[in-house]
Amino acid sequence: MMTPQAFRALALRPVRRSERRLARTCAVAGAVLALAAALRAGPVLADPCAAIPDKGPLPAYLSRGASFSGPVTYVGDGDSLCVALGPHPDRWVEVRLADFYAPELRAPGGAAAKAALDRLTAGQQVRCTADHRSYDRIVAICRINARSLGDLLRAQGVVEGGRGRK
């Protein structure tokens, strides 16, 4: 343990050039590591579905009543997923299930709802019928083999409870 007198003496002494260089090197290394971590985490945290712009008109192929289908490329939470209408993210549509209200991800049951939707849709083609736009996503009923994902989630015992449901 350092005494107060020893600490003061250390704090008041001149800092050597090698110590300043070491402090600068550590600060730069820390900043580089933080930047690398942020860049690596960026794509994982970003929404990969880009077919629907945040603002502006909705693509005509996603108008109310339109049907679209494709493989599920991403599950965001227990009631939203990404359907690929083409090979690139600019043709991937984010869908909010119209017939199921999952708990929010951080709420009790939210992670389980996401895992269940992920298991249900992994490697599957879904067929969706668009209802309306909600921000940068389409609210739709999606089906696998003629059964709605909402019904399939309920059959697996996933509890509803997100916004819109008590």
N, C-alpha and C. Protein backbone atom coordinates (compact mmCIF):
# COMPACT_ATOMS: atom_id res chain seq x y z
N MET A 1 0.82 -1.17 0.00
CA MET A 1 0.00 0.00 0.00
C MET A 1 0.88 1.25 0.00
N MET A 2 0.46 2.25 -0.73
CA MET A 2 1.25 3.46 -0.86
C MET A 2 0.78 4.49 0.17
N THR A 3 1.73 5.11 0.85
CA THR A 3 1.39 6.14 1.83
C THR A 3 1.03 7.42 1.08
N PRO A 4 0.29 8.34 1.72
CA PRO A 4 -0.06 9.61 1.07
C PRO A 4 1.18 10.40 0.67
N GLN A 5 2.24 10.37 1.49
CA GLN A 5 3.45 11.11 1.16
C GLN A 5 4.13 10.53 -0.08
N ALA A 6 4.17 9.19 -0.16
CA ALA A 6 4.81 8.56 -1.31
C ALA A 6 3.99 8.85 -2.58
N PHE A 7 2.68 8.84 -2.46
CA PHE A 7 1.81 9.11 -3.61
C PHE A 7 2.04 10.54 -4.11
N ARG A 8 2.09 11.50 -3.19
CA ARG A 8 2.33 12.89 -3.57
C ARG A 8 3.67 13.06 -4.26
N ALA A 9 4.69 12.40 -3.71
CA ALA A 9 6.03 12.50 -4.30
C ALA A 9 6.03 11.93 -5.72
N LEU A 10 5.31 10.82 -5.92
CA LEU A 10 5.24 10.21 -7.24
C LEU A 10 4.46 11.12 -8.20
N ALA A 11 3.38 11.72 -7.72
CA ALA A 11 2.55 12.57 -8.56
C ALA A 11 3.27 13.86 -8.94
N LEU A 12 4.15 14.36 -8.10
CA LEU A 12 4.81 15.63 -8.35
C LEU A 12 6.10 15.49 -9.16
N ARG A 13 6.61 14.28 -9.26
CA ARG A 13 7.88 14.11 -9.98
C ARG A 13 7.66 14.30 -11.48
N PRO A 14 8.66 14.70 -12.21
CA PRO A 14 8.53 14.87 -13.66
C PRO A 14 8.26 13.51 -14.33
N VAL A 15 7.42 13.56 -15.34
CA VAL A 15 7.10 12.33 -16.07
C VAL A 15 8.16 12.14 -17.15
N ARG A 16 8.69 10.95 -17.20
CA ARG A 16 9.72 10.64 -18.19
C ARG A 16 9.11 10.53 -19.59
N ARG A 17 9.94 10.81 -20.58
CA ARG A 17 9.49 10.73 -21.96
C ARG A 17 9.01 9.31 -22.30
N SER A 18 9.68 8.30 -21.82
CA SER A 18 9.29 6.92 -22.11
C SER A 18 7.91 6.61 -21.51
N GLU A 19 7.61 7.21 -20.35
CA GLU A 19 6.30 6.99 -19.73
C GLU A 19 5.20 7.68 -20.55
N ARG A 20 5.49 8.87 -21.08
CA ARG A 20 4.51 9.56 -21.92
C ARG A 20 4.26 8.76 -23.20
N ARG A 21 5.35 8.24 -23.79
CA ARG A 21 5.22 7.44 -25.01
C ARG A 21 4.39 6.19 -24.74
N LEU A 22 4.63 5.54 -23.62
CA LEU A 22 3.88 4.34 -23.26
C LEU A 22 2.40 4.67 -23.06
N ALA A 23 2.11 5.79 -22.40
CA ALA A 23 0.72 6.19 -22.17
C ALA A 23 0.01 6.47 -23.50
N ARG A 24 0.72 7.16 -24.43
CA ARG A 24 0.15 7.43 -25.75
C ARG A 24 -0.10 6.14 -26.52
N THR A 25 0.85 5.23 -26.46
CA THR A 25 0.71 3.95 -27.17
C THR A 25 -0.48 3.17 -26.62
N CYS A 26 -0.64 3.15 -25.33
CA CYS A 26 -1.77 2.45 -24.72
C CYS A 26 -3.09 3.09 -25.11
N ALA A 27 -3.13 4.41 -25.15
CA ALA A 27 -4.36 5.11 -25.53
C ALA A 27 -4.71 4.82 -26.98
N VAL A 28 -3.73 4.84 -27.87
CA VAL A 28 -3.98 4.55 -29.28
C VAL A 28 -4.41 3.10 -29.45
N ALA A 29 -3.75 2.18 -28.78
CA ALA A 29 -4.11 0.76 -28.87
C ALA A 29 -5.54 0.54 -28.37
N GLY A 30 -5.91 1.21 -27.30
CA GLY A 30 -7.27 1.09 -26.77
C GLY A 30 -8.30 1.61 -27.76
N ALA A 31 -7.99 2.73 -28.40
CA ALA A 31 -8.92 3.29 -29.38
C ALA A 31 -9.06 2.38 -30.59
N VAL A 32 -7.95 1.80 -31.04
CA VAL A 32 -8.00 0.88 -32.18
C VAL A 32 -8.83 -0.35 -31.84
N LEU A 33 -8.63 -0.90 -30.65
CA LEU A 33 -9.41 -2.06 -30.22
C LEU A 33 -10.89 -1.73 -30.13
N ALA A 34 -11.22 -0.56 -29.60
CA ALA A 34 -12.62 -0.16 -29.49
C ALA A 34 -13.25 0.00 -30.87
N LEU A 35 -12.51 0.59 -31.82
CA LEU A 35 -13.01 0.76 -33.17
C LEU A 35 -13.22 -0.59 -33.85
N ALA A 36 -12.26 -1.49 -33.69
CA ALA A 36 -12.39 -2.82 -34.29
C ALA A 36 -13.59 -3.56 -33.72
N ALA A 37 -13.81 -3.45 -32.43
CA ALA A 37 -14.97 -4.11 -31.81
C ALA A 37 -16.27 -3.50 -32.34
N ALA A 38 -16.31 -2.19 -32.49
CA ALA A 38 -17.52 -1.54 -32.99
C ALA A 38 -17.80 -1.94 -34.43
N LEU A 39 -16.76 -1.99 -35.26
CA LEU A 39 -16.96 -2.38 -36.65
C LEU A 39 -17.39 -3.83 -36.77
N ARG A 40 -16.84 -4.68 -35.93
CA ARG A 40 -17.22 -6.08 -35.97
C ARG A 40 -18.66 -6.25 -35.50
N ALA A 41 -19.07 -5.52 -34.49
CA ALA A 41 -20.43 -5.65 -33.95
C ALA A 41 -21.45 -4.97 -34.86
N GLY A 42 -21.02 -3.99 -35.65
CA GLY A 42 -21.94 -3.21 -36.47
C GLY A 42 -22.88 -4.03 -37.33
N PRO A 43 -22.37 -4.90 -38.20
CA PRO A 43 -23.27 -5.65 -39.06
C PRO A 43 -24.21 -6.58 -38.31
N VAL A 44 -23.77 -7.09 -37.18
CA VAL A 44 -24.62 -7.98 -36.40
C VAL A 44 -25.80 -7.22 -35.82
N LEU A 45 -25.57 -5.98 -35.40
CA LEU A 45 -26.62 -5.20 -34.78
C LEU A 45 -27.52 -4.51 -35.81
N ALA A 46 -27.02 -4.33 -37.01
CA ALA A 46 -27.78 -3.62 -38.02
C ALA A 46 -28.88 -4.51 -38.59
N ASP A 47 -29.96 -3.87 -39.03
CA ASP A 47 -31.06 -4.58 -39.66
C ASP A 47 -30.66 -4.94 -41.08
N PRO A 48 -30.61 -6.23 -41.43
CA PRO A 48 -30.15 -6.60 -42.77
C PRO A 48 -31.22 -6.45 -43.85
N CYS A 49 -32.45 -6.19 -43.49
CA CYS A 49 -33.55 -6.11 -44.47
C CYS A 49 -33.62 -4.68 -44.99
N ALA A 50 -33.44 -4.51 -46.29
CA ALA A 50 -33.36 -3.15 -46.82
C ALA A 50 -34.35 -2.86 -47.95
N ALA A 51 -35.31 -3.74 -48.23
CA ALA A 51 -36.22 -3.53 -49.35
C ALA A 51 -37.18 -2.37 -49.13
N ILE A 52 -37.51 -2.08 -47.88
CA ILE A 52 -38.48 -1.03 -47.59
C ILE A 52 -37.73 0.19 -47.05
N PRO A 53 -37.81 1.31 -47.74
CA PRO A 53 -37.12 2.50 -47.25
C PRO A 53 -37.78 3.05 -45.98
N ASP A 54 -36.97 3.73 -45.15
CA ASP A 54 -37.52 4.34 -43.94
C ASP A 54 -38.59 5.38 -44.28
N LYS A 55 -38.39 6.09 -45.38
CA LYS A 55 -39.34 7.11 -45.83
C LYS A 55 -39.57 6.92 -47.32
N GLY A 56 -40.63 7.47 -47.78
CA GLY A 56 -40.91 7.39 -49.20
C GLY A 56 -41.90 6.29 -49.51
N PRO A 57 -42.19 6.12 -50.79
CA PRO A 57 -43.23 5.16 -51.18
C PRO A 57 -42.80 3.71 -50.94
N LEU A 58 -43.80 2.92 -50.70
CA LEU A 58 -43.63 1.48 -50.52
C LEU A 58 -43.50 0.84 -51.90
N PRO A 59 -42.60 -0.12 -52.06
CA PRO A 59 -42.54 -0.81 -53.36
C PRO A 59 -43.91 -1.42 -53.70
N ALA A 60 -44.31 -1.32 -54.96
CA ALA A 60 -45.63 -1.78 -55.40
C ALA A 60 -45.85 -3.26 -55.12
N TYR A 61 -44.80 -4.05 -55.19
CA TYR A 61 -44.95 -5.49 -54.97
C TYR A 61 -45.23 -5.84 -53.50
N LEU A 62 -45.29 -4.82 -52.63
CA LEU A 62 -45.60 -5.04 -51.22
C LEU A 62 -46.89 -4.33 -50.80
N SER A 63 -47.74 -3.97 -51.76
CA SER A 63 -48.98 -3.28 -51.43
C SER A 63 -49.94 -4.22 -50.70
N ARG A 64 -50.95 -3.64 -50.06
CA ARG A 64 -51.93 -4.41 -49.28
C ARG A 64 -52.53 -5.54 -50.13
N GLY A 65 -52.51 -6.76 -49.58
CA GLY A 65 -53.06 -7.92 -50.27
C GLY A 65 -52.06 -8.65 -51.15
N ALA A 66 -50.91 -8.05 -51.39
CA ALA A 66 -49.90 -8.69 -52.24
C ALA A 66 -49.31 -9.91 -51.54
N SER A 67 -49.03 -10.94 -52.30
CA SER A 67 -48.38 -12.14 -51.77
C SER A 67 -46.92 -12.14 -52.19
N PHE A 68 -46.08 -12.56 -51.29
CA PHE A 68 -44.66 -12.71 -51.61
C PHE A 68 -44.13 -13.89 -50.82
N SER A 69 -43.07 -14.49 -51.32
CA SER A 69 -42.52 -15.65 -50.62
C SER A 69 -41.03 -15.71 -50.82
N GLY A 70 -40.38 -16.43 -49.93
CA GLY A 70 -38.94 -16.61 -50.00
C GLY A 70 -38.44 -17.23 -48.73
N PRO A 71 -37.15 -17.49 -48.69
CA PRO A 71 -36.56 -18.06 -47.49
C PRO A 71 -36.41 -16.99 -46.40
N VAL A 72 -36.47 -17.43 -45.16
CA VAL A 72 -36.24 -16.52 -44.03
C VAL A 72 -34.73 -16.40 -43.86
N THR A 73 -34.24 -15.16 -43.91
CA THR A 73 -32.80 -14.93 -43.79
C THR A 73 -32.38 -14.45 -42.42
N TYR A 74 -33.34 -13.96 -41.63
CA TYR A 74 -33.00 -13.33 -40.35
C TYR A 74 -34.24 -13.29 -39.49
N VAL A 75 -34.08 -13.56 -38.20
CA VAL A 75 -35.17 -13.41 -37.24
C VAL A 75 -34.75 -12.32 -36.26
N GLY A 76 -35.54 -11.24 -36.21
CA GLY A 76 -35.19 -10.11 -35.35
C GLY A 76 -35.62 -10.31 -33.92
N ASP A 77 -36.83 -10.81 -33.74
CA ASP A 77 -37.35 -11.11 -32.40
C ASP A 77 -38.46 -12.13 -32.58
N GLY A 78 -39.34 -12.27 -31.59
CA GLY A 78 -40.36 -13.30 -31.64
C GLY A 78 -41.49 -13.06 -32.61
N ASP A 79 -41.57 -11.87 -33.20
CA ASP A 79 -42.64 -11.61 -34.16
C ASP A 79 -42.18 -10.81 -35.37
N SER A 80 -40.88 -10.80 -35.64
CA SER A 80 -40.41 -10.15 -36.86
C SER A 80 -39.28 -10.96 -37.49
N LEU A 81 -39.29 -10.96 -38.81
CA LEU A 81 -38.32 -11.75 -39.55
C LEU A 81 -38.06 -11.08 -40.89
N CYS A 82 -37.07 -11.58 -41.57
CA CYS A 82 -36.67 -11.03 -42.85
C CYS A 82 -36.86 -12.11 -43.92
N VAL A 83 -37.60 -11.77 -44.98
CA VAL A 83 -37.87 -12.71 -46.07
C VAL A 83 -37.11 -12.23 -47.30
N ALA A 84 -36.30 -13.13 -47.87
CA ALA A 84 -35.49 -12.78 -49.03
C ALA A 84 -36.31 -12.95 -50.31
N LEU A 85 -36.50 -11.84 -51.03
CA LEU A 85 -37.17 -11.89 -52.32
C LEU A 85 -36.14 -11.89 -53.45
N GLY A 86 -34.90 -11.88 -53.08
CA GLY A 86 -33.79 -11.89 -54.02
C GLY A 86 -32.51 -12.15 -53.26
N PRO A 87 -31.38 -12.21 -53.97
CA PRO A 87 -30.12 -12.58 -53.32
C PRO A 87 -29.47 -11.48 -52.48
N HIS A 88 -29.88 -10.24 -52.68
CA HIS A 88 -29.23 -9.12 -51.99
C HIS A 88 -30.16 -8.47 -50.97
N PRO A 89 -29.60 -7.89 -49.88
CA PRO A 89 -30.42 -7.28 -48.83
C PRO A 89 -31.38 -6.20 -49.33
N ASP A 90 -31.10 -5.57 -50.47
CA ASP A 90 -32.05 -4.56 -50.97
C ASP A 90 -33.34 -5.19 -51.48
N ARG A 91 -33.41 -6.51 -51.51
CA ARG A 91 -34.64 -7.24 -51.86
C ARG A 91 -35.12 -8.11 -50.69
N TRP A 92 -34.61 -7.83 -49.49
CA TRP A 92 -35.04 -8.56 -48.29
C TRP A 92 -36.07 -7.70 -47.57
N VAL A 93 -37.21 -8.29 -47.25
CA VAL A 93 -38.33 -7.56 -46.66
C VAL A 93 -38.45 -7.91 -45.18
N GLU A 94 -38.46 -6.87 -44.35
CA GLU A 94 -38.70 -7.11 -42.93
C GLU A 94 -40.21 -7.21 -42.72
N VAL A 95 -40.60 -8.29 -42.05
CA VAL A 95 -42.01 -8.57 -41.83
C VAL A 95 -42.30 -8.60 -40.34
N ARG A 96 -43.35 -7.93 -39.94
CA ARG A 96 -43.88 -8.00 -38.58
C ARG A 96 -45.12 -8.88 -38.67
N LEU A 97 -45.13 -9.98 -37.91
CA LEU A 97 -46.27 -10.90 -37.98
C LEU A 97 -47.54 -10.21 -37.53
N ALA A 98 -48.59 -10.30 -38.33
CA ALA A 98 -49.86 -9.66 -38.03
C ALA A 98 -50.68 -10.45 -37.01
N ASP A 99 -50.40 -11.74 -36.88
CA ASP A 99 -51.25 -12.58 -36.04
C ASP A 99 -50.56 -13.11 -34.78
N PHE A 100 -49.47 -12.47 -34.37
CA PHE A 100 -48.80 -12.89 -33.13
C PHE A 100 -48.07 -11.71 -32.53
N TYR A 101 -48.23 -11.50 -31.24
CA TYR A 101 -47.57 -10.41 -30.52
C TYR A 101 -46.62 -11.01 -29.49
N ALA A 102 -45.36 -11.10 -29.84
CA ALA A 102 -44.36 -11.67 -28.93
C ALA A 102 -43.95 -10.63 -27.90
N PRO A 103 -43.51 -11.09 -26.72
CA PRO A 103 -42.94 -10.14 -25.76
C PRO A 103 -41.70 -9.48 -26.36
N GLU A 104 -41.40 -8.28 -25.90
CA GLU A 104 -40.19 -7.61 -26.34
C GLU A 104 -38.98 -8.47 -25.98
N LEU A 105 -37.90 -8.35 -26.75
CA LEU A 105 -36.74 -9.22 -26.56
C LEU A 105 -36.22 -9.26 -25.13
N ARG A 106 -36.18 -8.11 -24.49
CA ARG A 106 -35.62 -8.06 -23.13
C ARG A 106 -36.65 -8.35 -22.05
N ALA A 107 -37.90 -8.53 -22.44
CA ALA A 107 -38.96 -8.85 -21.47
C ALA A 107 -38.96 -10.36 -21.23
N PRO A 108 -39.53 -10.79 -20.12
CA PRO A 108 -39.63 -12.23 -19.87
C PRO A 108 -40.33 -12.94 -21.03
N GLY A 109 -39.73 -13.98 -21.53
CA GLY A 109 -40.30 -14.74 -22.64
C GLY A 109 -39.89 -14.24 -24.01
N GLY A 110 -39.26 -13.07 -24.09
CA GLY A 110 -38.89 -12.50 -25.38
C GLY A 110 -37.82 -13.32 -26.10
N ALA A 111 -36.78 -13.69 -25.39
CA ALA A 111 -35.71 -14.48 -26.01
C ALA A 111 -36.23 -15.86 -26.43
N ALA A 112 -37.11 -16.45 -25.61
CA ALA A 112 -37.68 -17.76 -25.95
C ALA A 112 -38.55 -17.66 -27.20
N ALA A 113 -39.30 -16.56 -27.34
CA ALA A 113 -40.14 -16.37 -28.52
C ALA A 113 -39.28 -16.25 -29.77
N LYS A 114 -38.17 -15.50 -29.67
CA LYS A 114 -37.27 -15.37 -30.82
C LYS A 114 -36.67 -16.73 -31.18
N ALA A 115 -36.23 -17.48 -30.18
CA ALA A 115 -35.64 -18.80 -30.44
C ALA A 115 -36.66 -19.73 -31.11
N ALA A 116 -37.92 -19.67 -30.67
CA ALA A 116 -38.96 -20.52 -31.25
C ALA A 116 -39.21 -20.13 -32.71
N LEU A 117 -39.29 -18.84 -33.00
CA LEU A 117 -39.50 -18.40 -34.38
C LEU A 117 -38.30 -18.79 -35.25
N ASP A 118 -37.12 -18.68 -34.69
CA ASP A 118 -35.91 -19.07 -35.41
C ASP A 118 -35.94 -20.56 -35.75
N ARG A 119 -36.31 -21.40 -34.78
CA ARG A 119 -36.40 -22.86 -35.02
C ARG A 119 -37.46 -23.18 -36.08
N LEU A 120 -38.61 -22.52 -35.98
CA LEU A 120 -39.70 -22.77 -36.93
C LEU A 120 -39.32 -22.42 -38.36
N THR A 121 -38.58 -21.34 -38.54
CA THR A 121 -38.34 -20.81 -39.88
C THR A 121 -36.98 -21.17 -40.46
N ALA A 122 -36.09 -21.77 -39.67
CA ALA A 122 -34.74 -22.10 -40.16
C ALA A 122 -34.82 -22.99 -41.40
N GLY A 123 -34.25 -22.51 -42.48
CA GLY A 123 -34.23 -23.26 -43.72
C GLY A 123 -35.58 -23.39 -44.42
N GLN A 124 -36.55 -22.62 -44.00
CA GLN A 124 -37.91 -22.73 -44.54
C GLN A 124 -38.23 -21.59 -45.51
N GLN A 125 -39.12 -21.89 -46.42
CA GLN A 125 -39.71 -20.88 -47.29
C GLN A 125 -41.02 -20.45 -46.63
N VAL A 126 -41.27 -19.17 -46.58
CA VAL A 126 -42.55 -18.69 -46.07
C VAL A 126 -43.30 -17.98 -47.19
N ARG A 127 -44.61 -18.03 -47.10
CA ARG A 127 -45.47 -17.32 -48.05
C ARG A 127 -46.25 -16.31 -47.21
N CYS A 128 -46.14 -15.04 -47.57
CA CYS A 128 -46.74 -13.97 -46.78
C CYS A 128 -47.76 -13.19 -47.60
N THR A 129 -48.76 -12.66 -46.91
CA THR A 129 -49.74 -11.77 -47.51
C THR A 129 -49.65 -10.44 -46.78
N ALA A 130 -49.29 -9.40 -47.53
CA ALA A 130 -49.06 -8.07 -46.94
C ALA A 130 -50.37 -7.45 -46.47
N ASP A 131 -50.31 -6.77 -45.34
CA ASP A 131 -51.48 -6.04 -44.85
C ASP A 131 -51.22 -4.54 -44.94
N HIS A 132 -50.26 -4.05 -44.15
CA HIS A 132 -49.95 -2.62 -44.18
C HIS A 132 -48.50 -2.39 -43.78
N ARG A 133 -48.07 -1.15 -43.93
CA ARG A 133 -46.71 -0.76 -43.59
C ARG A 133 -46.67 -0.29 -42.15
N SER A 134 -45.60 -0.62 -41.47
CA SER A 134 -45.33 -0.11 -40.14
C SER A 134 -43.85 0.28 -40.11
N TYR A 135 -43.59 1.57 -40.21
CA TYR A 135 -42.23 2.09 -40.30
C TYR A 135 -41.54 1.51 -41.53
N ASP A 136 -40.43 0.77 -41.33
CA ASP A 136 -39.71 0.22 -42.47
C ASP A 136 -39.94 -1.29 -42.61
N ARG A 137 -41.15 -1.71 -42.28
CA ARG A 137 -41.47 -3.14 -42.40
C ARG A 137 -42.92 -3.30 -42.84
N ILE A 138 -43.24 -4.52 -43.25
CA ILE A 138 -44.58 -4.87 -43.68
C ILE A 138 -45.22 -5.73 -42.61
N VAL A 139 -46.42 -5.39 -42.23
CA VAL A 139 -47.19 -6.25 -41.33
C VAL A 139 -47.91 -7.24 -42.23
N ALA A 140 -47.70 -8.54 -41.96
CA ALA A 140 -48.24 -9.56 -42.86
C ALA A 140 -48.52 -10.84 -42.10
N ILE A 141 -49.35 -11.66 -42.68
CA ILE A 141 -49.55 -13.03 -42.18
C ILE A 141 -48.67 -13.91 -43.04
N CYS A 142 -47.80 -14.65 -42.39
CA CYS A 142 -46.88 -15.53 -43.09
C CYS A 142 -47.19 -16.98 -42.74
N ARG A 143 -47.02 -17.84 -43.71
CA ARG A 143 -47.37 -19.25 -43.54
C ARG A 143 -46.23 -20.16 -43.99
N ILE A 144 -46.17 -21.29 -43.33
CA ILE A 144 -45.32 -22.40 -43.75
C ILE A 144 -46.27 -23.58 -43.94
N ASN A 145 -46.27 -24.15 -45.13
CA ASN A 145 -47.19 -25.27 -45.43
C ASN A 145 -48.62 -24.94 -45.03
N ALA A 146 -49.10 -23.79 -45.40
CA ALA A 146 -50.48 -23.34 -45.19
C ALA A 146 -50.84 -23.04 -43.73
N ARG A 147 -49.92 -23.18 -42.78
CA ARG A 147 -50.21 -22.83 -41.38
C ARG A 147 -49.53 -21.52 -41.04
N SER A 148 -50.26 -20.61 -40.42
CA SER A 148 -49.67 -19.31 -40.09
C SER A 148 -48.61 -19.47 -39.02
N LEU A 149 -47.60 -18.60 -39.10
CA LEU A 149 -46.54 -18.64 -38.10
C LEU A 149 -47.09 -18.33 -36.71
N GLY A 150 -48.10 -17.47 -36.63
CA GLY A 150 -48.72 -17.17 -35.34
C GLY A 150 -49.31 -18.43 -34.72
N ASP A 151 -50.04 -19.20 -35.52
CA ASP A 151 -50.62 -20.46 -35.02
C ASP A 151 -49.54 -21.45 -34.64
N LEU A 152 -48.48 -21.53 -35.44
CA LEU A 152 -47.39 -22.45 -35.15
C LEU A 152 -46.68 -22.07 -33.85
N LEU A 153 -46.48 -20.76 -33.63
CA LEU A 153 -45.85 -20.31 -32.39
C LEU A 153 -46.73 -20.64 -31.18
N ARG A 154 -48.03 -20.38 -31.30
CA ARG A 154 -48.95 -20.71 -30.19
C ARG A 154 -48.96 -22.22 -29.93
N ALA A 155 -48.92 -23.03 -30.99
CA ALA A 155 -48.91 -24.49 -30.83
C ALA A 155 -47.65 -24.97 -30.10
N GLN A 156 -46.57 -24.21 -30.22
CA GLN A 156 -45.34 -24.55 -29.50
C GLN A 156 -45.34 -24.03 -28.07
N GLY A 157 -46.40 -23.35 -27.69
CA GLY A 157 -46.49 -22.86 -26.32
C GLY A 157 -45.84 -21.51 -26.07
N VAL A 158 -45.50 -20.80 -27.15
CA VAL A 158 -44.91 -19.47 -26.98
C VAL A 158 -45.98 -18.51 -26.50
N VAL A 159 -45.66 -17.80 -25.44
CA VAL A 159 -46.62 -16.90 -24.80
C VAL A 159 -46.61 -15.56 -25.51
N GLU A 160 -47.80 -15.04 -25.79
CA GLU A 160 -47.92 -13.70 -26.36
C GLU A 160 -47.85 -12.69 -25.23
N GLY A 161 -47.53 -11.46 -25.57
CA GLY A 161 -47.48 -10.46 -24.53
C GLY A 161 -46.75 -9.20 -24.91
N GLY A 162 -46.55 -8.99 -26.17
CA GLY A 162 -45.86 -7.78 -26.62
C GLY A 162 -46.79 -6.60 -26.65
N ARG A 163 -46.32 -5.52 -27.24
CA ARG A 163 -47.16 -4.33 -27.40
C ARG A 163 -48.39 -4.73 -28.19
N GLY A 164 -49.52 -4.29 -27.76
CA GLY A 164 -50.76 -4.62 -28.45
C GLY A 164 -51.51 -5.77 -27.80
N ARG A 165 -50.87 -6.46 -26.89
CA ARG A 165 -51.52 -7.55 -26.15
C ARG A 165 -51.24 -7.38 -24.67
N LYS A 166 -52.19 -7.70 -23.86
CA LYS A 166 -52.02 -7.60 -22.40
C LYS A 166 -51.48 -8.90 -21.86
